[in-house]
């Protein structure tokens, strides 16, 4: 389950940022996740609570912002929504869609004390 290591990475970012900016407690973490990032959201929530226990983010809320997937069709040039890798272009049914959004996962915002 790589969601555990993702949460450990989030905690490292929180601890580093707390040292740099001088806060001592994290109340809420907003994370943007694209549908093609390969992250199971419910597993991430479970791991988040476990990893944050005993840290500056203990009892912090994890808010997930789901971002849309998007790509450019290499055959017709259309910018199209992408729900799954290797889906055909909804405009021309071609299979050459290059992803431009949807693989990202990043900490978007923090609420701290």
PDB file of N, CA and C in Angstrom:
ATOM      1  N   UNK A   1       0.863  -1.177   0.000  1.00  0.00           N
ATOM      2  CA  UNK A   1       0.000   0.000   0.000  1.00  0.00           C
ATOM      3  C   UNK A   1       0.904   1.234   0.000  1.00  0.00           C
ATOM      4  N   UNK A   2       1.043   1.878  -1.150  1.00  0.00           N
ATOM      5  CA  UNK A   2       1.914   3.041  -1.234  1.00  0.00           C
ATOM      6  C   UNK A   2       1.297   4.290  -0.629  1.00  0.00           C
ATOM      7  N   UNK A   3       0.026   4.244  -0.289  1.00  0.00           N
ATOM      8  CA  UNK A   3      -0.611   5.386   0.367  1.00  0.00           C
ATOM      9  C   UNK A   3       0.046   5.700   1.714  1.00  0.00           C
ATOM     10  N   UNK A   4       0.568   4.669   2.383  1.00  0.00           N
ATOM     11  CA  UNK A   4       1.270   4.880   3.659  1.00  0.00           C
ATOM     12  C   UNK A   4       2.520   5.725   3.429  1.00  0.00           C
ATOM     13  N   UNK A   5       3.293   5.405   2.408  1.00  0.00           N
ATOM     14  CA  UNK A   5       4.503   6.192   2.139  1.00  0.00           C
ATOM     15  C   UNK A   5       4.149   7.601   1.661  1.00  0.00           C
ATOM     16  N   UNK A   6       3.041   7.743   0.964  1.00  0.00           N
ATOM     17  CA  UNK A   6       2.585   9.080   0.568  1.00  0.00           C
ATOM     18  C   UNK A   6       2.300   9.910   1.815  1.00  0.00           C
ATOM     19  N   UNK A   7       1.607   9.336   2.779  1.00  0.00           N
ATOM     20  CA  UNK A   7       1.294  10.058   4.017  1.00  0.00           C
ATOM     21  C   UNK A   7       2.551  10.375   4.813  1.00  0.00           C
ATOM     22  N   UNK A   8       3.521   9.480   4.804  1.00  0.00           N
ATOM     23  CA  UNK A   8       4.795   9.765   5.469  1.00  0.00           C
ATOM     24  C   UNK A   8       5.485  10.944   4.792  1.00  0.00           C
ATOM     25  N   UNK A   9       5.396  11.023   3.478  1.00  0.00           N
ATOM     26  CA  UNK A   9       5.937  12.164   2.751  1.00  0.00           C
ATOM     27  C   UNK A   9       5.212  13.455   3.087  1.00  0.00           C
ATOM     28  N   UNK A  10       3.885  13.368   3.212  1.00  0.00           N
ATOM     29  CA  UNK A  10       3.103  14.547   3.612  1.00  0.00           C
ATOM     30  C   UNK A  10       3.548  15.028   4.981  1.00  0.00           C
ATOM     31  N   UNK A  11       3.740  14.104   5.918  1.00  0.00           N
ATOM     32  CA  UNK A  11       4.179  14.480   7.260  1.00  0.00           C
ATOM     33  C   UNK A  11       5.552  15.154   7.219  1.00  0.00           C
ATOM     34  N   UNK A  12       6.452  14.655   6.404  1.00  0.00           N
ATOM     35  CA  UNK A  12       7.771  15.289   6.276  1.00  0.00           C
ATOM     36  C   UNK A  12       7.643  16.722   5.771  1.00  0.00           C
ATOM     37  N   UNK A  13       6.774  16.926   4.788  1.00  0.00           N
ATOM     38  CA  UNK A  13       6.547  18.283   4.272  1.00  0.00           C
ATOM     39  C   UNK A  13       5.972  19.173   5.373  1.00  0.00           C
ATOM     40  N   UNK A  14       5.017  18.655   6.143  1.00  0.00           N
ATOM     41  CA  UNK A  14       4.413  19.434   7.222  1.00  0.00           C
ATOM     42  C   UNK A  14       5.452  19.811   8.275  1.00  0.00           C
ATOM     43  N   UNK A  15       6.292  18.866   8.662  1.00  0.00           N
ATOM     44  CA  UNK A  15       7.315  19.143   9.682  1.00  0.00           C
ATOM     45  C   UNK A  15       8.334  20.163   9.184  1.00  0.00           C
ATOM     46  N   UNK A  16       8.759  20.032   7.949  1.00  0.00           N
ATOM     47  CA  UNK A  16       9.712  20.987   7.367  1.00  0.00           C
ATOM     48  C   UNK A  16       9.100  22.376   7.289  1.00  0.00           C
ATOM     49  N   UNK A  17       7.861  22.443   6.826  1.00  0.00           N
ATOM     50  CA  UNK A  17       7.180  23.729   6.695  1.00  0.00           C
ATOM     51  C   UNK A  17       6.936  24.358   8.058  1.00  0.00           C
ATOM     52  N   UNK A  18       6.621  23.542   9.062  1.00  0.00           N
ATOM     53  CA  UNK A  18       6.405  24.056  10.425  1.00  0.00           C
ATOM     54  C   UNK A  18       7.688  24.684  10.962  1.00  0.00           C
ATOM     55  N   UNK A  19       8.829  24.047  10.716  1.00  0.00           N
ATOM     56  CA  UNK A  19      10.109  24.621  11.161  1.00  0.00           C
ATOM     57  C   UNK A  19      10.383  25.946  10.455  1.00  0.00           C
ATOM     58  N   UNK A  20      10.098  25.996   9.173  1.00  0.00           N
ATOM     59  CA  UNK A  20      10.380  27.201   8.389  1.00  0.00           C
ATOM     60  C   UNK A  20       9.438  28.351   8.731  1.00  0.00           C
ATOM     61  N   UNK A  21       8.155  28.024   8.994  1.00  0.00           N
ATOM     62  CA  UNK A  21       7.160  29.078   9.177  1.00  0.00           C
ATOM     63  C   UNK A  21       6.718  29.263  10.628  1.00  0.00           C
ATOM     64  N   UNK A  22       7.161  28.409  11.528  1.00  0.00           N
ATOM     65  CA  UNK A  22       6.930  28.615  12.953  1.00  0.00           C
ATOM     66  C   UNK A  22       5.557  28.233  13.478  1.00  0.00           C
ATOM     67  N   UNK A  23       4.841  27.350  12.845  1.00  0.00           N
ATOM     68  CA  UNK A  23       3.576  26.891  13.427  1.00  0.00           C
ATOM     69  C   UNK A  23       3.810  25.587  14.181  1.00  0.00           C
ATOM     70  N   UNK A  24       2.884  25.258  15.088  1.00  0.00           N
ATOM     71  CA  UNK A  24       3.061  24.088  15.946  1.00  0.00           C
ATOM     72  C   UNK A  24       1.966  23.041  15.801  1.00  0.00           C
ATOM     73  N   UNK A  25       0.896  23.383  15.106  1.00  0.00           N
ATOM     74  CA  UNK A  25      -0.214  22.448  14.973  1.00  0.00           C
ATOM     75  C   UNK A  25      -0.868  22.609  13.603  1.00  0.00           C
ATOM     76  N   UNK A  26      -1.193  21.493  12.984  1.00  0.00           N
ATOM     77  CA  UNK A  26      -1.894  21.501  11.703  1.00  0.00           C
ATOM     78  C   UNK A  26      -3.330  21.049  11.951  1.00  0.00           C
ATOM     79  N   UNK A  27      -4.274  21.862  11.522  1.00  0.00           N
ATOM     80  CA  UNK A  27      -5.691  21.529  11.715  1.00  0.00           C
ATOM     81  C   UNK A  27      -6.288  20.835  10.489  1.00  0.00           C
ATOM     82  N   UNK A  28      -5.932  21.327   9.289  1.00  0.00           N
ATOM     83  CA  UNK A  28      -6.496  20.780   8.054  1.00  0.00           C
ATOM     84  C   UNK A  28      -5.426  20.773   6.968  1.00  0.00           C
ATOM     85  N   UNK A  29      -5.418  19.699   6.190  1.00  0.00           N
ATOM     86  CA  UNK A  29      -4.535  19.579   5.031  1.00  0.00           C
ATOM     87  C   UNK A  29      -5.417  19.339   3.814  1.00  0.00           C
ATOM     88  N   UNK A  30      -5.300  20.225   2.822  1.00  0.00           N
ATOM     89  CA  UNK A  30      -6.010  20.044   1.554  1.00  0.00           C
ATOM     90  C   UNK A  30      -5.022  19.469   0.549  1.00  0.00           C
ATOM     91  N   UNK A  31      -5.399  18.360  -0.060  1.00  0.00           N
ATOM     92  CA  UNK A  31      -4.537  17.695  -1.037  1.00  0.00           C
ATOM     93  C   UNK A  31      -5.299  17.563  -2.346  1.00  0.00           C
ATOM     94  N   UNK A  32      -4.680  18.018  -3.433  1.00  0.00           N
ATOM     95  CA  UNK A  32      -5.240  17.830  -4.774  1.00  0.00           C
ATOM     96  C   UNK A  32      -4.759  16.496  -5.319  1.00  0.00           C
ATOM     97  N   UNK A  33      -5.698  15.716  -5.835  1.00  0.00           N
ATOM     98  CA  UNK A  33      -5.355  14.419  -6.405  1.00  0.00           C
ATOM     99  C   UNK A  33      -6.073  14.265  -7.734  1.00  0.00           C
ATOM    100  N   UNK A  34      -5.312  13.974  -8.758  1.00  0.00           N
ATOM    101  CA  UNK A  34      -5.890  13.706 -10.072  1.00  0.00           C
ATOM    102  C   UNK A  34      -6.373  12.268 -10.163  1.00  0.00           C
ATOM    103  N   UNK A  35      -7.329  11.997 -11.036  1.00  0.00           N
ATOM    104  CA  UNK A  35      -7.892  10.650 -11.142  1.00  0.00           C
ATOM    105  C   UNK A  35      -6.906   9.622 -11.697  1.00  0.00           C
ATOM    106  N   UNK A  36      -5.809  10.083 -12.281  1.00  0.00           N
ATOM    107  CA  UNK A  36      -4.829   9.180 -12.867  1.00  0.00           C
ATOM    108  C   UNK A  36      -3.552   9.105 -12.030  1.00  0.00           C
ATOM    109  N   UNK A  37      -3.615   9.582 -10.783  1.00  0.00           N
ATOM    110  CA  UNK A  37      -2.441   9.599  -9.912  1.00  0.00           C
ATOM    111  C   UNK A  37      -2.150   8.230  -9.299  1.00  0.00           C
ATOM    112  N   UNK A  38      -3.079   7.310  -9.407  1.00  0.00           N
ATOM    113  CA  UNK A  38      -2.857   5.982  -8.850  1.00  0.00           C
ATOM    114  C   UNK A  38      -2.977   5.936  -7.340  1.00  0.00           C
ATOM    115  N   UNK A  39      -3.798   6.817  -6.786  1.00  0.00           N
ATOM    116  CA  UNK A  39      -3.975   6.886  -5.338  1.00  0.00           C
ATOM    117  C   UNK A  39      -5.394   6.452  -4.991  1.00  0.00           C
ATOM    118  N   UNK A  40      -5.513   5.527  -4.065  1.00  0.00           N
ATOM    119  CA  UNK A  40      -6.810   5.096  -3.554  1.00  0.00           C
ATOM    120  C   UNK A  40      -7.164   6.036  -2.401  1.00  0.00           C
ATOM    121  N   UNK A  41      -8.159   6.885  -2.611  1.00  0.00           N
ATOM    122  CA  UNK A  41      -8.484   7.952  -1.666  1.00  0.00           C
ATOM    123  C   UNK A  41      -8.846   7.410  -0.287  1.00  0.00           C
ATOM    124  N   UNK A  42      -9.642   6.367  -0.212  1.00  0.00           N
ATOM    125  CA  UNK A  42     -10.029   5.838   1.100  1.00  0.00           C
ATOM    126  C   UNK A  42      -8.826   5.253   1.842  1.00  0.00           C
ATOM    127  N   UNK A  43      -7.933   4.605   1.128  1.00  0.00           N
ATOM    128  CA  UNK A  43      -6.712   4.090   1.752  1.00  0.00           C
ATOM    129  C   UNK A  43      -5.839   5.244   2.230  1.00  0.00           C
ATOM    130  N   UNK A  44      -5.787   6.330   1.456  1.00  0.00           N
ATOM    131  CA  UNK A  44      -5.026   7.508   1.857  1.00  0.00           C
ATOM    132  C   UNK A  44      -5.587   8.098   3.141  1.00  0.00           C
ATOM    133  N   UNK A  45      -6.909   8.188   3.242  1.00  0.00           N
ATOM    134  CA  UNK A  45      -7.542   8.714   4.464  1.00  0.00           C
ATOM    135  C   UNK A  45      -7.183   7.854   5.679  1.00  0.00           C
ATOM    136  N   UNK A  46      -7.266   6.545   5.522  1.00  0.00           N
ATOM    137  CA  UNK A  46      -6.948   5.631   6.615  1.00  0.00           C
ATOM    138  C   UNK A  46      -5.496   5.794   7.047  1.00  0.00           C
ATOM    139  N   UNK A  47      -4.587   5.808   6.080  1.00  0.00           N
ATOM    140  CA  UNK A  47      -3.173   5.934   6.375  1.00  0.00           C
ATOM    141  C   UNK A  47      -2.834   7.302   6.971  1.00  0.00           C
ATOM    142  N   UNK A  48      -3.518   8.333   6.508  1.00  0.00           N
ATOM    143  CA  UNK A  48      -3.270   9.681   7.010  1.00  0.00           C
ATOM    144  C   UNK A  48      -3.488   9.723   8.514  1.00  0.00           C
ATOM    145  N   UNK A  49      -4.609   9.197   8.974  1.00  0.00           N
ATOM    146  CA  UNK A  49      -4.892   9.198  10.412  1.00  0.00           C
ATOM    147  C   UNK A  49      -3.840   8.418  11.190  1.00  0.00           C
ATOM    148  N   UNK A  50      -3.408   7.290  10.662  1.00  0.00           N
ATOM    149  CA  UNK A  50      -2.412   6.461  11.347  1.00  0.00           C
ATOM    150  C   UNK A  50      -1.049   7.148  11.391  1.00  0.00           C
ATOM    151  N   UNK A  51      -0.612   7.713  10.289  1.00  0.00           N
ATOM    152  CA  UNK A  51       0.711   8.335  10.215  1.00  0.00           C
ATOM    153  C   UNK A  51       0.770   9.622  11.035  1.00  0.00           C
ATOM    154  N   UNK A  52      -0.304  10.385  11.080  1.00  0.00           N
ATOM    155  CA  UNK A  52      -0.298  11.673  11.770  1.00  0.00           C
ATOM    156  C   UNK A  52      -0.408  11.537  13.288  1.00  0.00           C
ATOM    157  N   UNK A  53      -0.771  10.358  13.771  1.00  0.00           N
ATOM    158  CA  UNK A  53      -0.909  10.129  15.204  1.00  0.00           C
ATOM    159  C   UNK A  53       0.399  10.461  15.917  1.00  0.00           C
ATOM    160  N   UNK A  54       0.306  11.291  16.956  1.00  0.00           N
ATOM    161  CA  UNK A  54       1.476  11.671  17.741  1.00  0.00           C
ATOM    162  C   UNK A  54       2.334  12.764  17.121  1.00  0.00           C
ATOM    163  N   UNK A  55       1.874  13.357  16.034  1.00  0.00           N
ATOM    164  CA  UNK A  55       2.655  14.400  15.350  1.00  0.00           C
ATOM    165  C   UNK A  55       1.973  15.754  15.488  1.00  0.00           C
ATOM    166  N   UNK A  56       2.556  16.769  14.874  1.00  0.00           N
ATOM    167  CA  UNK A  56       1.949  18.098  14.880  1.00  0.00           C
ATOM    168  C   UNK A  56       0.622  18.130  14.108  1.00  0.00           C
ATOM    169  N   UNK A  57       0.324  17.063  13.381  1.00  0.00           N
ATOM    170  CA  UNK A  57      -0.921  16.990  12.607  1.00  0.00           C
ATOM    171  C   UNK A  57      -1.884  15.946  13.176  1.00  0.00           C
ATOM    172  N   UNK A  58      -1.667  15.560  14.425  1.00  0.00           N
ATOM    173  CA  UNK A  58      -2.600  14.609  15.033  1.00  0.00           C
ATOM    174  C   UNK A  58      -3.996  15.232  15.067  1.00  0.00           C
ATOM    175  N   UNK A  59      -4.983  14.470  14.674  1.00  0.00           N
ATOM    176  CA  UNK A  59      -6.384  14.904  14.612  1.00  0.00           C
ATOM    177  C   UNK A  59      -6.651  15.920  13.503  1.00  0.00           C
ATOM    178  N   UNK A  60      -5.683  16.132  12.606  1.00  0.00           N
ATOM    179  CA  UNK A  60      -5.918  17.036  11.472  1.00  0.00           C
ATOM    180  C   UNK A  60      -6.899  16.390  10.501  1.00  0.00           C
ATOM    181  N   UNK A  61      -7.677  17.235   9.841  1.00  0.00           N
ATOM    182  CA  UNK A  61      -8.598  16.748   8.808  1.00  0.00           C
ATOM    183  C   UNK A  61      -7.856  16.706   7.488  1.00  0.00           C
ATOM    184  N   UNK A  62      -8.118  15.671   6.720  1.00  0.00           N
ATOM    185  CA  UNK A  62      -7.591  15.561   5.365  1.00  0.00           C
ATOM    186  C   UNK A  62      -8.737  15.854   4.408  1.00  0.00           C
ATOM    187  N   UNK A  63      -8.590  16.913   3.640  1.00  0.00           N
ATOM    188  CA  UNK A  63      -9.596  17.287   2.647  1.00  0.00           C
ATOM    189  C   UNK A  63      -9.033  16.986   1.258  1.00  0.00           C
ATOM    190  N   UNK A  64      -9.761  16.210   0.501  1.00  0.00           N
ATOM    191  CA  UNK A  64      -9.332  15.817  -0.835  1.00  0.00           C
ATOM    192  C   UNK A  64     -10.013  16.705  -1.873  1.00  0.00           C
ATOM    193  N   UNK A  65      -9.216  17.299  -2.734  1.00  0.00           N
ATOM    194  CA  UNK A  65      -9.721  18.069  -3.862  1.00  0.00           C
ATOM    195  C   UNK A  65      -9.450  17.231  -5.107  1.00  0.00           C
ATOM    196  N   UNK A  66     -10.491  16.722  -5.705  1.00  0.00           N
ATOM    197  CA  UNK A  66     -10.322  15.891  -6.892  1.00  0.00           C
ATOM    198  C   UNK A  66     -10.229  16.782  -8.122  1.00  0.00           C
ATOM    199  N   UNK A  67      -9.127  16.662  -8.848  1.00  0.00           N
ATOM    200  CA  UNK A  67      -8.929  17.453 -10.051  1.00  0.00           C
ATOM    201  C   UNK A  67      -9.282  16.599 -11.269  1.00  0.00           C
ATOM    202  N   UNK A  68      -9.744  17.204 -12.333  1.00  0.00           N
ATOM    203  CA  UNK A  68     -10.112  16.417 -13.512  1.00  0.00           C
ATOM    204  C   UNK A  68      -8.895  15.978 -14.316  1.00  0.00           C
ATOM    205  N   UNK A  69      -9.056  14.887 -15.025  1.00  0.00           N
ATOM    206  CA  UNK A  69      -8.040  14.461 -15.976  1.00  0.00           C
ATOM    207  C   UNK A  69      -8.296  15.142 -17.312  1.00  0.00           C
ATOM    208  N   UNK A  70      -7.232  15.455 -18.017  1.00  0.00           N
ATOM    209  CA  UNK A  70      -7.373  16.145 -19.295  1.00  0.00           C
ATOM    210  C   UNK A  70      -6.212  15.748 -20.197  1.00  0.00           C
ATOM    211  N   UNK A  71      -6.453  15.759 -21.472  1.00  0.00           N
ATOM    212  CA  UNK A  71      -5.402  15.433 -22.422  1.00  0.00           C
ATOM    213  C   UNK A  71      -5.644  16.104 -23.759  1.00  0.00           C
ATOM    214  N   UNK A  72      -4.648  15.995 -24.623  1.00  0.00           N
ATOM    215  CA  UNK A  72      -4.731  16.533 -25.977  1.00  0.00           C
ATOM    216  C   UNK A  72      -4.632  15.350 -26.932  1.00  0.00           C
ATOM    217  N   UNK A  73      -5.601  15.254 -27.829  1.00  0.00           N
ATOM    218  CA  UNK A  73      -5.602  14.187 -28.820  1.00  0.00           C
ATOM    219  C   UNK A  73      -4.563  14.506 -29.889  1.00  0.00           C
ATOM    220  N   UNK A  74      -3.658  13.567 -30.120  1.00  0.00           N
ATOM    221  CA  UNK A  74      -2.606  13.780 -31.110  1.00  0.00           C
ATOM    222  C   UNK A  74      -3.115  13.625 -32.540  1.00  0.00           C
ATOM    223  N   UNK A  75      -4.324  13.071 -32.693  1.00  0.00           N
ATOM    224  CA  UNK A  75      -4.885  12.917 -34.034  1.00  0.00           C
ATOM    225  C   UNK A  75      -5.710  14.117 -34.459  1.00  0.00           C
ATOM    226  N   UNK A  76      -6.620  14.574 -33.586  1.00  0.00           N
ATOM    227  CA  UNK A  76      -7.507  15.679 -33.985  1.00  0.00           C
ATOM    228  C   UNK A  76      -7.169  17.006 -33.309  1.00  0.00           C
ATOM    229  N   UNK A  77      -6.278  16.975 -32.313  1.00  0.00           N
ATOM    230  CA  UNK A  77      -5.856  18.207 -31.647  1.00  0.00           C
ATOM    231  C   UNK A  77      -6.795  18.712 -30.573  1.00  0.00           C
ATOM    232  N   UNK A  78      -7.882  18.001 -30.304  1.00  0.00           N
ATOM    233  CA  UNK A  78      -8.857  18.453 -29.310  1.00  0.00           C
ATOM    234  C   UNK A  78      -8.314  18.267 -27.896  1.00  0.00           C
ATOM    235  N   UNK A  79      -8.657  19.206 -27.016  1.00  0.00           N
ATOM    236  CA  UNK A  79      -8.407  19.050 -25.586  1.00  0.00           C
ATOM    237  C   UNK A  79      -9.637  18.361 -25.017  1.00  0.00           C
ATOM    238  N   UNK A  80      -9.425  17.201 -24.382  1.00  0.00           N
ATOM    239  CA  UNK A  80     -10.548  16.353 -23.988  1.00  0.00           C
ATOM    240  C   UNK A  80     -10.413  15.897 -22.541  1.00  0.00           C
ATOM    241  N   UNK A  81     -11.551  15.617 -21.895  1.00  0.00           N
ATOM    242  CA  UNK A  81     -11.481  15.039 -20.545  1.00  0.00           C
ATOM    243  C   UNK A  81     -10.971  13.601 -20.619  1.00  0.00           C
ATOM    244  N   UNK A  82     -10.195  13.200 -19.611  1.00  0.00           N
ATOM    245  CA  UNK A  82      -9.658  11.845 -19.551  1.00  0.00           C
ATOM    246  C   UNK A  82     -10.028  11.256 -18.191  1.00  0.00           C
ATOM    247  N   UNK A  83     -10.711  10.128 -18.217  1.00  0.00           N
ATOM    248  CA  UNK A  83     -11.108   9.457 -16.975  1.00  0.00           C
ATOM    249  C   UNK A  83     -10.181   8.302 -16.645  1.00  0.00           C
ATOM    250  N   UNK A  84      -9.688   7.623 -17.686  1.00  0.00           N
ATOM    251  CA  UNK A  84      -8.778   6.494 -17.513  1.00  0.00           C
ATOM    252  C   UNK A  84      -7.710   6.540 -18.594  1.00  0.00           C
ATOM    253  N   UNK A  85      -6.544   6.041 -18.247  1.00  0.00           N
ATOM    254  CA  UNK A  85      -5.462   5.955 -19.240  1.00  0.00           C
ATOM    255  C   UNK A  85      -5.915   5.097 -20.414  1.00  0.00           C
ATOM    256  N   UNK A  86      -5.466   5.446 -21.561  1.00  0.00           N
ATOM    257  CA  UNK A  86      -5.676   4.683 -22.794  1.00  0.00           C
ATOM    258  C   UNK A  86      -7.120   4.660 -23.284  1.00  0.00           C
ATOM    259  N   UNK A  87      -7.980   5.512 -22.722  1.00  0.00           N
ATOM    260  CA  UNK A  87      -9.320   5.664 -23.287  1.00  0.00           C
ATOM    261  C   UNK A  87      -9.194   6.366 -24.634  1.00  0.00           C
ATOM    262  N   UNK A  88     -10.097   6.088 -25.559  1.00  0.00           N
ATOM    263  CA  UNK A  88     -10.042   6.800 -26.845  1.00  0.00           C
ATOM    264  C   UNK A  88     -10.487   8.249 -26.688  1.00  0.00           C
ATOM    265  N   UNK A  89     -10.121   9.048 -27.638  1.00  0.00           N
ATOM    266  CA  UNK A  89     -10.541  10.447 -27.679  1.00  0.00           C
ATOM    267  C   UNK A  89     -12.049  10.492 -27.871  1.00  0.00           C
ATOM    268  N   UNK A  90     -12.772  11.216 -27.019  1.00  0.00           N
ATOM    269  CA  UNK A  90     -14.224  11.298 -27.197  1.00  0.00           C
ATOM    270  C   UNK A  90     -14.637  12.115 -28.427  1.00  0.00           C
ATOM    271  N   UNK A  91     -13.711  12.868 -28.996  1.00  0.00           N
ATOM    272  CA  UNK A  91     -14.035  13.676 -30.173  1.00  0.00           C
ATOM    273  C   UNK A  91     -13.874  12.897 -31.477  1.00  0.00           C
ATOM    274  N   UNK A  92     -12.818  12.053 -31.576  1.00  0.00           N
ATOM    275  CA  UNK A  92     -12.560  11.376 -32.854  1.00  0.00           C
ATOM    276  C   UNK A  92     -12.361   9.866 -32.722  1.00  0.00           C
ATOM    277  N   UNK A  93     -12.445   9.348 -31.501  1.00  0.00           N
ATOM    278  CA  UNK A  93     -12.219   7.920 -31.207  1.00  0.00           C
ATOM    279  C   UNK A  93     -10.783   7.471 -31.454  1.00  0.00           C
ATOM    280  N   UNK A  94      -9.871   8.390 -31.600  1.00  0.00           N
ATOM    281  CA  UNK A  94      -8.457   8.043 -31.749  1.00  0.00           C
ATOM    282  C   UNK A  94      -7.852   7.642 -30.407  1.00  0.00           C
ATOM    283  N   UNK A  95      -6.732   6.915 -30.469  1.00  0.00           N
ATOM    284  CA  UNK A  95      -6.098   6.440 -29.238  1.00  0.00           C
ATOM    285  C   UNK A  95      -4.795   7.141 -28.909  1.00  0.00           C
ATOM    286  N   UNK A  96      -4.551   8.284 -29.470  1.00  0.00           N
ATOM    287  CA  UNK A  96      -3.322   9.014 -29.179  1.00  0.00           C
ATOM    288  C   UNK A  96      -3.568  10.216 -28.297  1.00  0.00           C
ATOM    289  N   UNK A  97      -4.075  10.026 -27.095  1.00  0.00           N
ATOM    290  CA  UNK A  97      -4.340  11.150 -26.196  1.00  0.00           C
ATOM    291  C   UNK A  97      -3.157  11.299 -25.234  1.00  0.00           C
ATOM    292  N   UNK A  98      -2.525  12.462 -25.279  1.00  0.00           N
ATOM    293  CA  UNK A  98      -1.403  12.771 -24.390  1.00  0.00           C
ATOM    294  C   UNK A  98      -1.950  13.486 -23.159  1.00  0.00           C
ATOM    295  N   UNK A  99      -1.674  12.942 -21.987  1.00  0.00           N
ATOM    296  CA  UNK A  99      -2.177  13.523 -20.746  1.00  0.00           C
ATOM    297  C   UNK A  99      -1.525  14.864 -20.459  1.00  0.00           C
ATOM    298  N   UNK A 100      -2.343  15.827 -20.036  1.00  0.00           N
ATOM    299  CA  UNK A 100      -1.828  17.128 -19.628  1.00  0.00           C
ATOM    300  C   UNK A 100      -2.183  17.441 -18.182  1.00  0.00           C
ATOM    301  N   UNK A 101      -3.202  16.796 -17.651  1.00  0.00           N
ATOM    302  CA  UNK A 101      -3.624  16.967 -16.248  1.00  0.00           C
ATOM    303  C   UNK A 101      -4.222  15.661 -15.765  1.00  0.00           C
ATOM    304  N   UNK A 102      -4.127  15.451 -14.446  1.00  0.00           N
ATOM    305  CA  UNK A 102      -4.796  14.308 -13.855  1.00  0.00           C
ATOM    306  C   UNK A 102      -3.876  13.347 -13.136  1.00  0.00           C
ATOM    307  N   UNK A 103      -2.564  13.494 -13.326  1.00  0.00           N
ATOM    308  CA  UNK A 103      -1.615  12.614 -12.654  1.00  0.00           C
ATOM    309  C   UNK A 103      -1.047  13.238 -11.376  1.00  0.00           C
ATOM    310  N   UNK A 104      -1.395  14.472 -11.110  1.00  0.00           N
ATOM    311  CA  UNK A 104      -0.788  15.200 -10.013  1.00  0.00           C
ATOM    312  C   UNK A 104      -1.369  14.827  -8.648  1.00  0.00           C
ATOM    313  N   UNK A 105      -0.528  15.014  -7.657  1.00  0.00           N
ATOM    314  CA  UNK A 105      -0.937  14.940  -6.265  1.00  0.00           C
ATOM    315  C   UNK A 105      -0.065  15.933  -5.525  1.00  0.00           C
ATOM    316  N   UNK A 106      -0.691  16.915  -4.887  1.00  0.00           N
ATOM    317  CA  UNK A 106       0.081  17.938  -4.195  1.00  0.00           C
ATOM    318  C   UNK A 106      -0.676  18.501  -3.021  1.00  0.00           C
ATOM    319  N   UNK A 107       0.061  18.982  -2.050  1.00  0.00           N
ATOM    320  CA  UNK A 107      -0.555  19.680  -0.928  1.00  0.00           C
ATOM    321  C   UNK A 107      -0.930  21.060  -1.444  1.00  0.00           C
ATOM    322  N   UNK A 108      -2.200  21.365  -1.384  1.00  0.00           N
ATOM    323  CA  UNK A 108      -2.710  22.632  -1.923  1.00  0.00           C
ATOM    324  C   UNK A 108      -2.718  23.727  -0.862  1.00  0.00           C
ATOM    325  N   UNK A 109      -3.131  23.353   0.356  1.00  0.00           N
ATOM    326  CA  UNK A 109      -3.326  24.375   1.389  1.00  0.00           C
ATOM    327  C   UNK A 109      -3.248  23.721   2.749  1.00  0.00           C
ATOM    328  N   UNK A 110      -2.889  24.532   3.755  1.00  0.00           N
ATOM    329  CA  UNK A 110      -2.855  24.075   5.154  1.00  0.00           C
ATOM    330  C   UNK A 110      -3.599  25.070   6.028  1.00  0.00           C
ATOM    331  N   UNK A 111      -4.247  24.566   7.048  1.00  0.00           N
ATOM    332  CA  UNK A 111      -4.790  25.404   8.114  1.00  0.00           C
ATOM    333  C   UNK A 111      -3.967  25.063   9.354  1.00  0.00           C
ATOM    334  N   UNK A 112      -3.273  26.053   9.902  1.00  0.00           N
ATOM    335  CA  UNK A 112      -2.333  25.798  10.980  1.00  0.00           C
ATOM    336  C   UNK A 112      -2.544  26.758  12.149  1.00  0.00           C
ATOM    337  N   UNK A 113      -1.920  26.421  13.269  1.00  0.00           N
ATOM    338  CA  UNK A 113      -1.925  27.292  14.456  1.00  0.00           C
ATOM    339  C   UNK A 113      -0.487  27.532  14.878  1.00  0.00           C
TER     340      UNK A 113
END
